[in-house]
Amino acid sequence: MPSQVPSVSVPELPAELPAETTLLDVREQDEWDAGHAPQALHIPMGELAGRLGELPEDRDVLVICRSGGRSARVTEYLNANGWDARNVDGGMRSWQSAGRPLAADTGTPEVI
């Protein structure tokens, strides 16, 4: 039987995430550049194992990608390695649909 990935939906999240929570965006660089949550920490999924030192160990971690697939795998990995992580169901698509803030390095932010 497959394990359940701890998750949370965007509407369940407070408008401002608590200071003790890290929003981890695991999308690729081009996706991040196009549009991301302003307070997110960006570590692409393929780089995570080598960059775990950048992820605070004493905080709750919310993991987000475009739609929820990559972030679910990262959530399982983090929880197996000592973090308290939850997947953000629906990912950045749900984030944008819910009217949550987006930032981009150039141009109008969008989720790709």
Protein backbone atom coordinates (compact mmCIF):
# COMPACT_ATOMS: atom_id res chain seq x y z
CA MET A 1 0.00 0.00 0.00
CA PRO A 2 1.50 3.40 -0.95
CA SER A 3 2.32 5.78 1.87
CA GLN A 4 0.32 8.95 2.34
CA VAL A 5 2.27 12.12 1.69
CA PRO A 6 1.46 14.79 4.29
CA SER A 7 -0.12 17.65 2.41
CA VAL A 8 -1.91 20.94 2.68
CA SER A 9 -4.04 22.84 0.18
CA VAL A 10 -3.35 26.47 -0.71
CA PRO A 11 -6.64 27.70 0.84
CA GLU A 12 -5.60 26.05 4.13
CA LEU A 13 -2.42 28.13 4.28
CA PRO A 14 -2.47 31.46 6.12
CA ALA A 15 -2.13 34.55 3.90
CA GLU A 16 1.26 35.18 5.51
CA LEU A 17 3.24 32.08 6.31
CA PRO A 18 4.54 31.90 9.88
CA ALA A 19 8.20 32.81 10.40
CA GLU A 20 8.92 29.23 11.48
CA THR A 21 7.79 27.86 8.10
CA THR A 22 9.92 27.54 4.96
CA LEU A 23 8.22 27.42 1.56
CA LEU A 24 10.54 25.32 -0.62
CA ASP A 25 10.09 25.66 -4.39
CA VAL A 26 11.61 22.65 -6.17
CA ARG A 27 10.87 23.69 -9.78
CA GLU A 28 13.51 24.26 -12.44
CA GLN A 29 15.23 27.62 -12.87
CA ASP A 30 13.11 28.70 -15.87
CA GLU A 31 9.91 27.98 -13.94
CA TRP A 32 11.19 29.94 -10.95
CA ASP A 33 12.27 32.86 -13.12
CA ALA A 34 8.80 33.07 -14.73
CA GLY A 35 6.98 33.34 -11.40
CA HIS A 36 7.34 32.25 -7.79
CA ALA A 37 6.04 32.96 -4.32
CA PRO A 38 7.99 35.98 -3.02
CA GLN A 39 9.02 34.33 0.26
CA ALA A 40 10.01 30.95 -1.20
CA LEU A 41 13.41 29.29 -1.04
CA HIS A 42 14.41 27.92 -4.44
CA ILE A 43 16.25 24.60 -4.63
CA PRO A 44 15.45 22.60 -7.80
CA MET A 45 14.54 18.98 -7.11
CA GLY A 46 17.62 17.67 -8.93
CA GLU A 47 19.92 19.77 -6.72
CA LEU A 48 18.28 19.09 -3.38
CA ALA A 49 20.50 16.27 -2.11
CA GLY A 50 23.59 18.43 -2.58
CA ARG A 51 22.01 21.53 -1.07
CA LEU A 52 20.26 20.17 2.04
CA GLY A 53 22.47 22.41 4.18
CA GLU A 54 20.52 25.42 2.88
CA LEU A 55 17.26 24.04 4.29
CA PRO A 56 16.63 24.94 7.94
CA GLU A 57 16.21 21.81 10.05
CA ASP A 58 14.27 23.55 12.82
CA ARG A 59 11.35 24.76 10.67
CA ASP A 60 8.27 23.25 9.11
CA VAL A 61 8.79 22.89 5.36
CA LEU A 62 6.07 23.35 2.75
CA VAL A 63 7.21 21.91 -0.59
CA ILE A 64 5.79 23.30 -3.82
CA CYS A 65 6.28 22.66 -7.55
CA ARG A 66 4.05 23.39 -10.55
CA SER A 67 1.25 20.92 -9.84
CA GLY A 68 2.27 18.73 -6.89
CA GLY A 69 4.08 15.68 -8.33
CA ARG A 70 7.72 16.66 -7.82
CA SER A 71 6.96 18.27 -4.50
CA ALA A 72 5.27 15.07 -3.24
CA ARG A 73 8.46 13.10 -3.97
CA VAL A 74 10.60 15.74 -2.28
CA THR A 75 8.25 15.77 0.73
CA GLU A 76 8.69 12.01 1.14
CA TYR A 77 12.48 12.37 0.83
CA LEU A 78 12.67 15.18 3.40
CA ASN A 79 10.44 13.39 5.90
CA ALA A 80 12.57 10.25 5.57
CA ASN A 81 15.62 12.37 6.37
CA GLY A 82 14.40 14.15 9.49
CA TRP A 83 12.46 17.20 8.30
CA ASP A 84 8.81 17.94 9.02
CA ALA A 85 7.58 18.55 5.47
CA ARG A 86 4.19 18.80 3.78
CA ASN A 87 3.35 18.90 0.09
CA VAL A 88 1.36 21.86 -1.22
CA ASP A 89 -1.47 20.21 -3.17
CA GLY A 90 -1.93 21.63 -6.66
CA GLY A 91 1.39 23.47 -6.50
CA MET A 92 1.99 26.88 -8.01
CA ARG A 93 -1.01 26.48 -10.30
CA SER A 94 -3.25 26.40 -7.23
CA TRP A 95 -1.21 29.18 -5.63
CA GLN A 96 -1.84 31.43 -8.63
CA SER A 97 -5.52 30.41 -8.93
CA ALA A 98 -6.04 31.34 -5.28
CA GLY A 99 -4.72 34.83 -5.97
CA ARG A 100 -1.59 34.40 -3.87
CA PRO A 101 1.28 36.81 -4.62
CA LEU A 102 3.75 36.03 -7.41
CA ALA A 103 7.12 37.59 -8.11
CA ALA A 104 9.38 37.37 -11.17
CA ASP A 105 12.86 38.61 -11.93
CA THR A 106 11.66 40.20 -15.18
CA GLY A 107 8.27 40.78 -16.79
CA THR A 108 4.85 39.85 -15.52
CA PRO A 109 4.93 36.83 -13.19
CA GLU A 110 3.29 33.67 -14.48
CA VAL A 111 3.31 29.98 -13.63
CA ILE A 112 4.78 27.82 -16.38
